Amino acid sequence: MSNLTITVLGSGCAKCKNLHELVQAAAKELGIQAEIEYSTDIEKIIELGAMSSPVLAINGQSVLEGSVPDVEDLKKLLSEYSGGGGCCSDKDRCNISCSPKDKNESGGCCCGSC
């Protein structure tokens, strides 16, 4: 998977911090190598054109604002921007976004959905 720069921007509220923690968890589960920042810089939020927080930006582009999805939805979103689908990246993308660590001994996906 390609390296990403992921930034969660917000006011410092619990909702914003929660999104940051969930993004970290989703990236870890997917095996995504990413720099994941948390910023309270209001100027950056304005530069992105966001109207509500928290904001999730990937490689400088706002991809989510004003909500805190669950880890599974964040994994789907991160998979779209990472250029891979975990261990299923050489096939049709797995609907549960397997992690590279989920390959079985023969190199196939062990999630059972591929």
PDB file of N, CA and C in Angstrom:
ATOM      1  N   MET A   1       0.836  -1.173   0.000  1.00  0.00           N
ATOM      2  CA  MET A   1       0.000   0.000   0.000  1.00  0.00           C
ATOM      3  C   MET A   1       0.879   1.233   0.000  1.00  0.00           C
ATOM      4  N   SER A   2       0.388   2.264  -0.581  1.00  0.00           N
ATOM      5  CA  SER A   2       1.159   3.487  -0.663  1.00  0.00           C
ATOM      6  C   SER A   2       1.125   4.231   0.659  1.00  0.00           C
ATOM      7  N   ASN A   3       2.154   5.060   0.854  1.00  0.00           N
ATOM      8  CA  ASN A   3       2.183   5.878   2.058  1.00  0.00           C
ATOM      9  C   ASN A   3       1.208   7.026   1.910  1.00  0.00           C
ATOM     10  N   LEU A   4       0.536   7.331   2.990  1.00  0.00           N
ATOM     11  CA  LEU A   4      -0.448   8.403   3.018  1.00  0.00           C
ATOM     12  C   LEU A   4      -0.099   9.385   4.120  1.00  0.00           C
ATOM     13  N   THR A   5      -0.540  10.612   3.942  1.00  0.00           N
ATOM     14  CA  THR A   5      -0.530  11.578   5.028  1.00  0.00           C
ATOM     15  C   THR A   5      -1.982  11.792   5.400  1.00  0.00           C
ATOM     16  N   ILE A   6      -2.305  11.440   6.633  1.00  0.00           N
ATOM     17  CA  ILE A   6      -3.674  11.536   7.112  1.00  0.00           C
ATOM     18  C   ILE A   6      -3.703  12.544   8.242  1.00  0.00           C
ATOM     19  N   THR A   7      -4.646  13.476   8.157  1.00  0.00           N
ATOM     20  CA  THR A   7      -4.765  14.502   9.191  1.00  0.00           C
ATOM     21  C   THR A   7      -6.204  14.575   9.661  1.00  0.00           C
ATOM     22  N   VAL A   8      -6.380  14.556  10.967  1.00  0.00           N
ATOM     23  CA  VAL A   8      -7.671  14.822  11.575  1.00  0.00           C
ATOM     24  C   VAL A   8      -7.580  16.229  12.135  1.00  0.00           C
ATOM     25  N   LEU A   9      -8.493  17.083  11.709  1.00  0.00           N
ATOM     26  CA  LEU A   9      -8.497  18.468  12.150  1.00  0.00           C
ATOM     27  C   LEU A   9      -9.760  18.748  12.944  1.00  0.00           C
ATOM     28  N   GLY A  10      -9.595  19.501  14.000  1.00  0.00           N
ATOM     29  CA  GLY A  10     -10.753  19.840  14.809  1.00  0.00           C
ATOM     30  C   GLY A  10     -10.401  20.821  15.900  1.00  0.00           C
ATOM     31  N   SER A  11     -11.360  21.072  16.742  1.00  0.00           N
ATOM     32  CA  SER A  11     -11.215  22.082  17.797  1.00  0.00           C
ATOM     33  C   SER A  11     -10.517  21.555  19.041  1.00  0.00           C
ATOM     34  N   GLY A  12     -10.322  20.262  19.114  1.00  0.00           N
ATOM     35  CA  GLY A  12      -9.763  19.658  20.313  1.00  0.00           C
ATOM     36  C   GLY A  12     -10.825  18.995  21.169  1.00  0.00           C
ATOM     37  N   CYS A  13     -12.039  18.950  20.652  1.00  0.00           N
ATOM     38  CA  CYS A  13     -13.159  18.353  21.403  1.00  0.00           C
ATOM     39  C   CYS A  13     -13.045  16.824  21.416  1.00  0.00           C
ATOM     40  N   ALA A  14     -13.852  16.207  22.238  1.00  0.00           N
ATOM     41  CA  ALA A  14     -13.841  14.749  22.378  1.00  0.00           C
ATOM     42  C   ALA A  14     -14.181  14.054  21.053  1.00  0.00           C
ATOM     43  N   LYS A  15     -15.100  14.606  20.286  1.00  0.00           N
ATOM     44  CA  LYS A  15     -15.501  14.032  19.007  1.00  0.00           C
ATOM     45  C   LYS A  15     -14.311  13.997  18.037  1.00  0.00           C
ATOM     46  N   CYS A  16     -13.554  15.080  18.005  1.00  0.00           N
ATOM     47  CA  CYS A  16     -12.397  15.173  17.112  1.00  0.00           C
ATOM     48  C   CYS A  16     -11.298  14.196  17.536  1.00  0.00           C
ATOM     49  N   LYS A  17     -11.049  14.120  18.832  1.00  0.00           N
ATOM     50  CA  LYS A  17     -10.036  13.199  19.347  1.00  0.00           C
ATOM     51  C   LYS A  17     -10.452  11.750  19.110  1.00  0.00           C
ATOM     52  N   ASN A  18     -11.740  11.474  19.220  1.00  0.00           N
ATOM     53  CA  ASN A  18     -12.258  10.136  18.961  1.00  0.00           C
ATOM     54  C   ASN A  18     -12.015   9.739  17.504  1.00  0.00           C
ATOM     55  N   LEU A  19     -12.266  10.653  16.574  1.00  0.00           N
ATOM     56  CA  LEU A  19     -12.021  10.359  15.165  1.00  0.00           C
ATOM     57  C   LEU A  19     -10.545  10.034  14.950  1.00  0.00           C
ATOM     58  N   HIS A  20      -9.667  10.794  15.568  1.00  0.00           N
ATOM     59  CA  HIS A  20      -8.232  10.546  15.435  1.00  0.00           C
ATOM     60  C   HIS A  20      -7.885   9.132  15.907  1.00  0.00           C
ATOM     61  N   GLU A  21      -8.409   8.730  17.050  1.00  0.00           N
ATOM     62  CA  GLU A  21      -8.147   7.393  17.587  1.00  0.00           C
ATOM     63  C   GLU A  21      -8.706   6.307  16.670  1.00  0.00           C
ATOM     64  N   LEU A  22      -9.900   6.530  16.138  1.00  0.00           N
ATOM     65  CA  LEU A  22     -10.511   5.541  15.244  1.00  0.00           C
ATOM     66  C   LEU A  22      -9.738   5.419  13.934  1.00  0.00           C
ATOM     67  N   VAL A  23      -9.252   6.539  13.416  1.00  0.00           N
ATOM     68  CA  VAL A  23      -8.455   6.505  12.181  1.00  0.00           C
ATOM     69  C   VAL A  23      -7.163   5.726  12.427  1.00  0.00           C
ATOM     70  N   GLN A  24      -6.534   5.951  13.564  1.00  0.00           N
ATOM     71  CA  GLN A  24      -5.316   5.213  13.894  1.00  0.00           C
ATOM     72  C   GLN A  24      -5.608   3.709  13.959  1.00  0.00           C
ATOM     73  N   ALA A  25      -6.710   3.346  14.586  1.00  0.00           N
ATOM     74  CA  ALA A  25      -7.079   1.937  14.698  1.00  0.00           C
ATOM     75  C   ALA A  25      -7.365   1.327  13.324  1.00  0.00           C
ATOM     76  N   ALA A  26      -8.091   2.043  12.494  1.00  0.00           N
ATOM     77  CA  ALA A  26      -8.430   1.540  11.152  1.00  0.00           C
ATOM     78  C   ALA A  26      -7.168   1.349  10.314  1.00  0.00           C
ATOM     79  N   ALA A  27      -6.264   2.314  10.346  1.00  0.00           N
ATOM     80  CA  ALA A  27      -5.023   2.208   9.582  1.00  0.00           C
ATOM     81  C   ALA A  27      -4.190   1.024  10.068  1.00  0.00           C
ATOM     82  N   LYS A  28      -4.121   0.844  11.366  1.00  0.00           N
ATOM     83  CA  LYS A  28      -3.356  -0.271  11.928  1.00  0.00           C
ATOM     84  C   LYS A  28      -3.953  -1.608  11.495  1.00  0.00           C
ATOM     85  N   GLU A  29      -5.277  -1.733  11.558  1.00  0.00           N
ATOM     86  CA  GLU A  29      -5.929  -2.979  11.159  1.00  0.00           C
ATOM     87  C   GLU A  29      -5.708  -3.302   9.687  1.00  0.00           C
ATOM     88  N   LEU A  30      -5.602  -2.268   8.854  1.00  0.00           N
ATOM     89  CA  LEU A  30      -5.384  -2.465   7.420  1.00  0.00           C
ATOM     90  C   LEU A  30      -3.912  -2.632   7.064  1.00  0.00           C
ATOM     91  N   GLY A  31      -3.034  -2.374   8.019  1.00  0.00           N
ATOM     92  CA  GLY A  31      -1.602  -2.439   7.733  1.00  0.00           C
ATOM     93  C   GLY A  31      -1.122  -1.279   6.896  1.00  0.00           C
ATOM     94  N   ILE A  32      -1.830  -0.157   6.954  1.00  0.00           N
ATOM     95  CA  ILE A  32      -1.472   1.022   6.168  1.00  0.00           C
ATOM     96  C   ILE A  32      -0.355   1.779   6.872  1.00  0.00           C
ATOM     97  N   GLN A  33       0.708   2.038   6.116  1.00  0.00           N
ATOM     98  CA  GLN A  33       1.795   2.864   6.618  1.00  0.00           C
ATOM     99  C   GLN A  33       1.408   4.314   6.354  1.00  0.00           C
ATOM    100  N   ALA A  34       1.128   5.049   7.402  1.00  0.00           N
ATOM    101  CA  ALA A  34       0.668   6.427   7.228  1.00  0.00           C
ATOM    102  C   ALA A  34       1.129   7.301   8.370  1.00  0.00           C
ATOM    103  N   GLU A  35       1.387   8.536   8.037  1.00  0.00           N
ATOM    104  CA  GLU A  35       1.620   9.553   9.045  1.00  0.00           C
ATOM    105  C   GLU A  35       0.234  10.074   9.413  1.00  0.00           C
ATOM    106  N   ILE A  36      -0.167   9.893  10.664  1.00  0.00           N
ATOM    107  CA  ILE A  36      -1.505  10.308  11.088  1.00  0.00           C
ATOM    108  C   ILE A  36      -1.353  11.430  12.107  1.00  0.00           C
ATOM    109  N   GLU A  37      -1.755  12.620  11.691  1.00  0.00           N
ATOM    110  CA  GLU A  37      -1.609  13.810  12.531  1.00  0.00           C
ATOM    111  C   GLU A  37      -2.956  14.219  13.112  1.00  0.00           C
ATOM    112  N   TYR A  38      -2.873  14.954  14.205  1.00  0.00           N
ATOM    113  CA  TYR A  38      -4.054  15.602  14.767  1.00  0.00           C
ATOM    114  C   TYR A  38      -3.726  17.082  14.867  1.00  0.00           C
ATOM    115  N   SER A  39      -4.589  17.922  14.328  1.00  0.00           N
ATOM    116  CA  SER A  39      -4.324  19.360  14.308  1.00  0.00           C
ATOM    117  C   SER A  39      -5.542  20.148  14.775  1.00  0.00           C
ATOM    118  N   THR A  40      -5.271  21.171  15.555  1.00  0.00           N
ATOM    119  CA  THR A  40      -6.320  22.108  15.964  1.00  0.00           C
ATOM    120  C   THR A  40      -6.152  23.443  15.256  1.00  0.00           C
ATOM    121  N   ASP A  41      -5.391  23.440  14.163  1.00  0.00           N
ATOM    122  CA  ASP A  41      -5.119  24.662  13.406  1.00  0.00           C
ATOM    123  C   ASP A  41      -6.350  25.051  12.578  1.00  0.00           C
ATOM    124  N   ILE A  42      -7.059  26.053  13.044  1.00  0.00           N
ATOM    125  CA  ILE A  42      -8.280  26.511  12.364  1.00  0.00           C
ATOM    126  C   ILE A  42      -7.980  26.995  10.949  1.00  0.00           C
ATOM    127  N   GLU A  43      -6.809  27.586  10.732  1.00  0.00           N
ATOM    128  CA  GLU A  43      -6.441  28.047   9.389  1.00  0.00           C
ATOM    129  C   GLU A  43      -6.408  26.883   8.394  1.00  0.00           C
ATOM    130  N   LYS A  44      -5.919  25.718   8.818  1.00  0.00           N
ATOM    131  CA  LYS A  44      -5.901  24.543   7.932  1.00  0.00           C
ATOM    132  C   LYS A  44      -7.316  24.091   7.588  1.00  0.00           C
ATOM    133  N   ILE A  45      -8.204  24.154   8.580  1.00  0.00           N
ATOM    134  CA  ILE A  45      -9.602  23.778   8.330  1.00  0.00           C
ATOM    135  C   ILE A  45     -10.208  24.725   7.296  1.00  0.00           C
ATOM    136  N   ILE A  46      -9.951  26.011   7.443  1.00  0.00           N
ATOM    137  CA  ILE A  46     -10.459  27.006   6.493  1.00  0.00           C
ATOM    138  C   ILE A  46      -9.875  26.775   5.103  1.00  0.00           C
ATOM    139  N   GLU A  47      -8.573  26.484   5.030  1.00  0.00           N
ATOM    140  CA  GLU A  47      -7.916  26.223   3.742  1.00  0.00           C
ATOM    141  C   GLU A  47      -8.561  25.049   3.014  1.00  0.00           C
ATOM    142  N   LEU A  48      -9.000  24.053   3.758  1.00  0.00           N
ATOM    143  CA  LEU A  48      -9.653  22.889   3.155  1.00  0.00           C
ATOM    144  C   LEU A  48     -11.084  23.176   2.730  1.00  0.00           C
ATOM    145  N   GLY A  49     -11.628  24.308   3.174  1.00  0.00           N
ATOM    146  CA  GLY A  49     -12.994  24.668   2.815  1.00  0.00           C
ATOM    147  C   GLY A  49     -14.037  23.916   3.618  1.00  0.00           C
ATOM    148  N   ALA A  50     -13.628  23.338   4.734  1.00  0.00           N
ATOM    149  CA  ALA A  50     -14.558  22.566   5.559  1.00  0.00           C
ATOM    150  C   ALA A  50     -15.484  23.494   6.324  1.00  0.00           C
ATOM    151  N   MET A  51     -16.731  23.084   6.445  1.00  0.00           N
ATOM    152  CA  MET A  51     -17.726  23.887   7.144  1.00  0.00           C
ATOM    153  C   MET A  51     -18.040  23.364   8.537  1.00  0.00           C
ATOM    154  N   SER A  52     -17.604  22.153   8.853  1.00  0.00           N
ATOM    155  CA  SER A  52     -17.832  21.604  10.189  1.00  0.00           C
ATOM    156  C   SER A  52     -16.694  20.651  10.535  1.00  0.00           C
ATOM    157  N   SER A  53     -16.535  20.413  11.815  1.00  0.00           N
ATOM    158  CA  SER A  53     -15.476  19.514  12.247  1.00  0.00           C
ATOM    159  C   SER A  53     -16.095  18.339  13.002  1.00  0.00           C
ATOM    160  N   PRO A  54     -15.362  17.267  13.126  1.00  0.00           N
ATOM    161  CA  PRO A  54     -13.978  17.079  12.711  1.00  0.00           C
ATOM    162  C   PRO A  54     -13.855  16.905  11.195  1.00  0.00           C
ATOM    163  N   VAL A  55     -12.637  17.114  10.716  1.00  0.00           N
ATOM    164  CA  VAL A  55     -12.327  16.962   9.299  1.00  0.00           C
ATOM    165  C   VAL A  55     -11.278  15.867   9.172  1.00  0.00           C
ATOM    166  N   LEU A  56     -11.469  14.971   8.229  1.00  0.00           N
ATOM    167  CA  LEU A  56     -10.462  13.967   7.906  1.00  0.00           C
ATOM    168  C   LEU A  56      -9.910  14.322   6.539  1.00  0.00           C
ATOM    169  N   ALA A  57      -8.607  14.571   6.488  1.00  0.00           N
ATOM    170  CA  ALA A  57      -7.945  14.906   5.228  1.00  0.00           C
ATOM    171  C   ALA A  57      -6.920  13.820   4.910  1.00  0.00           C
ATOM    172  N   ILE A  58      -6.899  13.411   3.662  1.00  0.00           N
ATOM    173  CA  ILE A  58      -5.924  12.435   3.189  1.00  0.00           C
ATOM    174  C   ILE A  58      -5.132  13.083   2.070  1.00  0.00           C
ATOM    175  N   ASN A  59      -3.820  13.122   2.257  1.00  0.00           N
ATOM    176  CA  ASN A  59      -2.911  13.771   1.312  1.00  0.00           C
ATOM    177  C   ASN A  59      -3.366  15.191   0.979  1.00  0.00           C
ATOM    178  N   GLY A  60      -3.810  15.915   2.019  1.00  0.00           N
ATOM    179  CA  GLY A  60      -4.186  17.313   1.861  1.00  0.00           C
ATOM    180  C   GLY A  60      -5.569  17.566   1.306  1.00  0.00           C
ATOM    181  N   GLN A  61      -6.354  16.518   1.093  1.00  0.00           N
ATOM    182  CA  GLN A  61      -7.704  16.652   0.532  1.00  0.00           C
ATOM    183  C   GLN A  61      -8.731  16.238   1.587  1.00  0.00           C
ATOM    184  N   SER A  62      -9.716  17.088   1.809  1.00  0.00           N
ATOM    185  CA  SER A  62     -10.782  16.757   2.751  1.00  0.00           C
ATOM    186  C   SER A  62     -11.630  15.629   2.180  1.00  0.00           C
ATOM    187  N   VAL A  63     -11.763  14.543   2.953  1.00  0.00           N
ATOM    188  CA  VAL A  63     -12.555  13.400   2.492  1.00  0.00           C
ATOM    189  C   VAL A  63     -13.751  13.125   3.395  1.00  0.00           C
ATOM    190  N   LEU A  64     -13.793  13.807   4.552  1.00  0.00           N
ATOM    191  CA  LEU A  64     -14.883  13.599   5.492  1.00  0.00           C
ATOM    192  C   LEU A  64     -14.936  14.799   6.417  1.00  0.00           C
ATOM    193  N   GLU A  65     -16.137  15.279   6.690  1.00  0.00           N
ATOM    194  CA  GLU A  65     -16.256  16.360   7.666  1.00  0.00           C
ATOM    195  C   GLU A  65     -17.563  16.260   8.425  1.00  0.00           C
ATOM    196  N   GLY A  66     -17.487  16.638   9.699  1.00  0.00           N
ATOM    197  CA  GLY A  66     -18.668  16.749  10.522  1.00  0.00           C
ATOM    198  C   GLY A  66     -19.233  15.462  11.094  1.00  0.00           C
ATOM    199  N   SER A  67     -18.539  14.352  10.916  1.00  0.00           N
ATOM    200  CA  SER A  67     -19.058  13.098  11.463  1.00  0.00           C
ATOM    201  C   SER A  67     -17.916  12.210  11.933  1.00  0.00           C
ATOM    202  N   VAL A  68     -18.280  11.218  12.722  1.00  0.00           N
ATOM    203  CA  VAL A  68     -17.317  10.238  13.223  1.00  0.00           C
ATOM    204  C   VAL A  68     -17.857   8.851  12.893  1.00  0.00           C
ATOM    205  N   PRO A  69     -17.457   8.315  11.728  1.00  0.00           N
ATOM    206  CA  PRO A  69     -17.919   6.980  11.360  1.00  0.00           C
ATOM    207  C   PRO A  69     -17.260   5.913  12.231  1.00  0.00           C
ATOM    208  N   ASP A  70     -17.786   4.691  12.167  1.00  0.00           N
ATOM    209  CA  ASP A  70     -17.166   3.609  12.922  1.00  0.00           C
ATOM    210  C   ASP A  70     -15.909   3.117  12.204  1.00  0.00           C
ATOM    211  N   VAL A  71     -15.162   2.254  12.871  1.00  0.00           N
ATOM    212  CA  VAL A  71     -13.889   1.769  12.341  1.00  0.00           C
ATOM    213  C   VAL A  71     -14.071   1.081  10.996  1.00  0.00           C
ATOM    214  N   GLU A  72     -15.129   0.291  10.839  1.00  0.00           N
ATOM    215  CA  GLU A  72     -15.335  -0.431   9.571  1.00  0.00           C
ATOM    216  C   GLU A  72     -15.521   0.540   8.401  1.00  0.00           C
ATOM    217  N   ASP A  73     -16.296   1.608   8.609  1.00  0.00           N
ATOM    218  CA  ASP A  73     -16.475   2.602   7.541  1.00  0.00           C
ATOM    219  C   ASP A  73     -15.176   3.341   7.263  1.00  0.00           C
ATOM    220  N   LEU A  74     -14.409   3.621   8.298  1.00  0.00           N
ATOM    221  CA  LEU A  74     -13.117   4.280   8.099  1.00  0.00           C
ATOM    222  C   LEU A  74     -12.151   3.368   7.348  1.00  0.00           C
ATOM    223  N   LYS A  75     -12.204   2.077   7.620  1.00  0.00           N
ATOM    224  CA  LYS A  75     -11.346   1.135   6.895  1.00  0.00           C
ATOM    225  C   LYS A  75     -11.682   1.140   5.409  1.00  0.00           C
ATOM    226  N   LYS A  76     -12.967   1.183   5.079  1.00  0.00           N
ATOM    227  CA  LYS A  76     -13.371   1.255   3.670  1.00  0.00           C
ATOM    228  C   LYS A  76     -12.849   2.531   3.022  1.00  0.00           C
ATOM    229  N   LEU A  77     -12.994   3.644   3.730  1.00  0.00           N
ATOM    230  CA  LEU A  77     -12.534   4.928   3.200  1.00  0.00           C
ATOM    231  C   LEU A  77     -11.021   4.935   3.013  1.00  0.00           C
ATOM    232  N   LEU A  78     -10.288   4.473   4.004  1.00  0.00           N
ATOM    233  CA  LEU A  78      -8.827   4.440   3.900  1.00  0.00           C
ATOM    234  C   LEU A  78      -8.372   3.499   2.794  1.00  0.00           C
ATOM    235  N   SER A  79      -9.070   2.387   2.603  1.00  0.00           N
ATOM    236  CA  SER A  79      -8.719   1.455   1.531  1.00  0.00           C
ATOM    237  C   SER A  79      -8.842   2.109   0.164  1.00  0.00           C
ATOM    238  N   GLU A  80      -9.864   2.925  -0.003  1.00  0.00           N
ATOM    239  CA  GLU A  80     -10.057   3.620  -1.270  1.00  0.00           C
ATOM    240  C   GLU A  80      -8.887   4.536  -1.592  1.00  0.00           C
ATOM    241  N   TYR A  81      -8.361   5.207  -0.590  1.00  0.00           N
ATOM    242  CA  TYR A  81      -7.299   6.181  -0.805  1.00  0.00           C
ATOM    243  C   TYR A  81      -5.905   5.583  -0.719  1.00  0.00           C
ATOM    244  N   SER A  82      -5.780   4.365  -0.213  1.00  0.00           N
ATOM    245  CA  SER A  82      -4.457   3.769  -0.072  1.00  0.00           C
ATOM    246  C   SER A  82      -4.014   3.046  -1.332  1.00  0.00           C
ATOM    247  N   GLY A  83      -4.951   2.845  -2.244  1.00  0.00           N
ATOM    248  CA  GLY A  83      -4.594   2.183  -3.495  1.00  0.00           C
ATOM    249  C   GLY A  83      -4.546   0.674  -3.383  1.00  0.00           C
ATOM    250  N   GLY A  84      -5.065   0.143  -2.307  1.00  0.00           N
ATOM    251  CA  GLY A  84      -5.043  -1.299  -2.149  1.00  0.00           C
ATOM    252  C   GLY A  84      -6.185  -1.762  -1.302  1.00  0.00           C
ATOM    253  N   GLY A  85      -6.401  -3.044  -1.343  1.00  0.00           N
ATOM    254  CA  GLY A  85      -7.463  -3.623  -0.548  1.00  0.00           C
ATOM    255  C   GLY A  85      -6.935  -4.654   0.420  1.00  0.00           C
ATOM    256  N   GLY A  86      -5.786  -4.375   1.022  1.00  0.00           N
ATOM    257  CA  GLY A  86      -5.207  -5.323   1.954  1.00  0.00           C
ATOM    258  C   GLY A  86      -4.710  -6.550   1.215  1.00  0.00           C
ATOM    259  N   CYS A  87      -4.915  -7.718   1.785  1.00  0.00           N
ATOM    260  CA  CYS A  87      -4.382  -8.936   1.180  1.00  0.00           C
ATOM    261  C   CYS A  87      -5.116  -9.286  -0.099  1.00  0.00           C
ATOM    262  N   CYS A  88      -6.202  -8.621  -0.391  1.00  0.00           N
ATOM    263  CA  CYS A  88      -6.983  -8.910  -1.591  1.00  0.00           C
ATOM    264  C   CYS A  88      -6.651  -7.947  -2.731  1.00  0.00           C
ATOM    265  N   SER A  89      -5.565  -7.191  -2.603  1.00  0.00           N
ATOM    266  CA  SER A  89      -5.292  -6.136  -3.568  1.00  0.00           C
ATOM    267  C   SER A  89      -4.994  -6.663  -4.966  1.00  0.00           C
ATOM    268  N   ASP A  90      -4.618  -7.940  -5.083  1.00  0.00           N
ATOM    269  CA  ASP A  90      -4.363  -8.473  -6.412  1.00  0.00           C
ATOM    270  C   ASP A  90      -5.606  -9.135  -7.007  1.00  0.00           C
ATOM    271  N   LYS A  91      -6.728  -9.039  -6.322  1.00  0.00           N
ATOM    272  CA  LYS A  91      -8.002  -9.603  -6.774  1.00  0.00           C
ATOM    273  C   LYS A  91      -9.067  -8.507  -6.652  1.00  0.00           C
ATOM    274  N   ASP A  92     -10.300  -8.886  -6.870  1.00  0.00           N
ATOM    275  CA  ASP A  92     -11.373  -7.958  -6.552  1.00  0.00           C
ATOM    276  C   ASP A  92     -11.292  -7.664  -5.073  1.00  0.00           C
ATOM    277  N   ARG A  93     -11.524  -6.430  -4.711  1.00  0.00           N
ATOM    278  CA  ARG A  93     -11.364  -6.017  -3.321  1.00  0.00           C
ATOM    279  C   ARG A  93     -12.324  -6.767  -2.403  1.00  0.00           C
ATOM    280  N   CYS A  94     -11.775  -7.236  -1.328  1.00  0.00           N
ATOM    281  CA  CYS A  94     -12.541  -7.942  -0.316  1.00  0.00           C
ATOM    282  C   CYS A  94     -13.520  -6.976   0.341  1.00  0.00           C
ATOM    283  N   ASN A  95     -14.707  -7.440   0.633  1.00  0.00           N
ATOM    284  CA  ASN A  95     -15.691  -6.538   1.223  1.00  0.00           C
ATOM    285  C   ASN A  95     -15.454  -6.265   2.701  1.00  0.00           C
ATOM    286  N   ILE A  96     -14.475  -6.904   3.306  1.00  0.00           N
ATOM    287  CA  ILE A  96     -14.166  -6.579   4.695  1.00  0.00           C
ATOM    288  C   ILE A  96     -12.783  -5.961   4.839  1.00  0.00           C
ATOM    289  N   SER A  97     -12.130  -5.662   3.730  1.00  0.00           N
ATOM    290  CA  SER A  97     -10.825  -5.002   3.728  1.00  0.00           C
ATOM    291  C   SER A  97      -9.819  -5.719   4.611  1.00  0.00           C
ATOM    292  N   CYS A  98      -9.466  -6.918   4.209  1.00  0.00           N
ATOM    293  CA  CYS A  98      -8.521  -7.712   4.974  1.00  0.00           C
ATOM    294  C   CYS A  98      -7.185  -7.006   5.101  1.00  0.00           C
ATOM    295  N   SER A  99      -6.479  -7.366   6.110  1.00  0.00           N
ATOM    296  CA  SER A  99      -5.145  -6.843   6.333  1.00  0.00           C
ATOM    297  C   SER A  99      -4.130  -7.783   5.685  1.00  0.00           C
ATOM    298  N   PRO A 100      -2.975  -7.259   5.260  1.00  0.00           N
ATOM    299  CA  PRO A 100      -1.948  -8.142   4.690  1.00  0.00           C
ATOM    300  C   PRO A 100      -1.562  -9.282   5.635  1.00  0.00           C
ATOM    301  N   LYS A 101      -1.677  -9.084   6.928  1.00  0.00           N
ATOM    302  CA  LYS A 101      -1.343 -10.140   7.885  1.00  0.00           C
ATOM    303  C   LYS A 101      -2.350 -11.279   7.846  1.00  0.00           C
ATOM    304  N   ASP A 102      -3.468 -11.097   7.144  1.00  0.00           N
ATOM    305  CA  ASP A 102      -4.517 -12.106   7.093  1.00  0.00           C
ATOM    306  C   ASP A 102      -4.335 -13.121   5.962  1.00  0.00           C
ATOM    307  N   LYS A 103      -3.205 -13.070   5.257  1.00  0.00           N
ATOM    308  CA  LYS A 103      -2.981 -14.066   4.209  1.00  0.00           C
ATOM    309  C   LYS A 103      -2.746 -15.427   4.832  1.00  0.00           C
ATOM    310  N   ASN A 104      -3.255 -16.443   4.129  1.00  0.00           N
ATOM    311  CA  ASN A 104      -2.999 -17.798   4.618  1.00  0.00           C
ATOM    312  C   ASN A 104      -1.665 -18.290   4.055  1.00  0.00           C
ATOM    313  N   GLU A 105      -1.272 -19.497   4.397  1.00  0.00           N
ATOM    314  CA  GLU A 105       0.043 -20.018   3.990  1.00  0.00           C
ATOM    315  C   GLU A 105       0.228 -20.083   2.491  1.00  0.00           C
ATOM    316  N   SER A 106      -0.842 -20.284   1.739  1.00  0.00           N
ATOM    317  CA  SER A 106      -0.722 -20.368   0.278  1.00  0.00           C
ATOM    318  C   SER A 106      -0.777 -18.993  -0.379  1.00  0.00           C
ATOM    319  N   GLY A 107      -0.869 -17.915   0.441  1.00  0.00           N
ATOM    320  CA  GLY A 107      -0.876 -16.564  -0.110  1.00  0.00           C
ATOM    321  C   GLY A 107      -2.263 -16.014  -0.386  1.00  0.00           C
ATOM    322  N   GLY A 108      -3.299 -16.830  -0.195  1.00  0.00           N
ATOM    323  CA  GLY A 108      -4.650 -16.378  -0.433  1.00  0.00           C
ATOM    324  C   GLY A 108      -5.240 -15.682   0.777  1.00  0.00           C
ATOM    325  N   CYS A 109      -6.392 -15.133   0.599  1.00  0.00           N
ATOM    326  CA  CYS A 109      -7.077 -14.432   1.667  1.00  0.00           C
ATOM    327  C   CYS A 109      -7.730 -15.438   2.606  1.00  0.00           C
ATOM    328  N   CYS A 110      -7.544 -15.245   3.894  1.00  0.00           N
ATOM    329  CA  CYS A 110      -8.126 -16.196   4.841  1.00  0.00           C
ATOM    330  C   CYS A 110      -9.416 -15.678   5.464  1.00  0.00           C
ATOM    331  N   CYS A 111      -9.966 -14.582   4.925  1.00  0.00           N
ATOM    332  CA  CYS A 111     -11.192 -14.044   5.510  1.00  0.00           C
ATOM    333  C   CYS A 111     -12.411 -14.873   5.104  1.00  0.00           C
ATOM    334  N   GLY A 112     -12.271 -15.616   4.023  1.00  0.00           N
ATOM    335  CA  GLY A 112     -13.369 -16.443   3.578  1.00  0.00           C
ATOM    336  C   GLY A 112     -14.353 -15.749   2.664  1.00  0.00           C
ATOM    337  N   SER A 113     -14.172 -14.451   2.431  1.00  0.00           N
ATOM    338  CA  SER A 113     -15.127 -13.732   1.586  1.00  0.00           C
ATOM    339  C   SER A 113     -14.598 -13.537   0.162  1.00  0.00           C
ATOM    340  N   CYS A 114     -13.365 -13.915  -0.094  1.00  0.00           N
ATOM    341  CA  CYS A 114     -12.783 -13.733  -1.429  1.00  0.00           C
ATOM    342  C   CYS A 114     -12.747 -15.033  -2.194  1.00  0.00           C
TER     343      CYS A 114
END
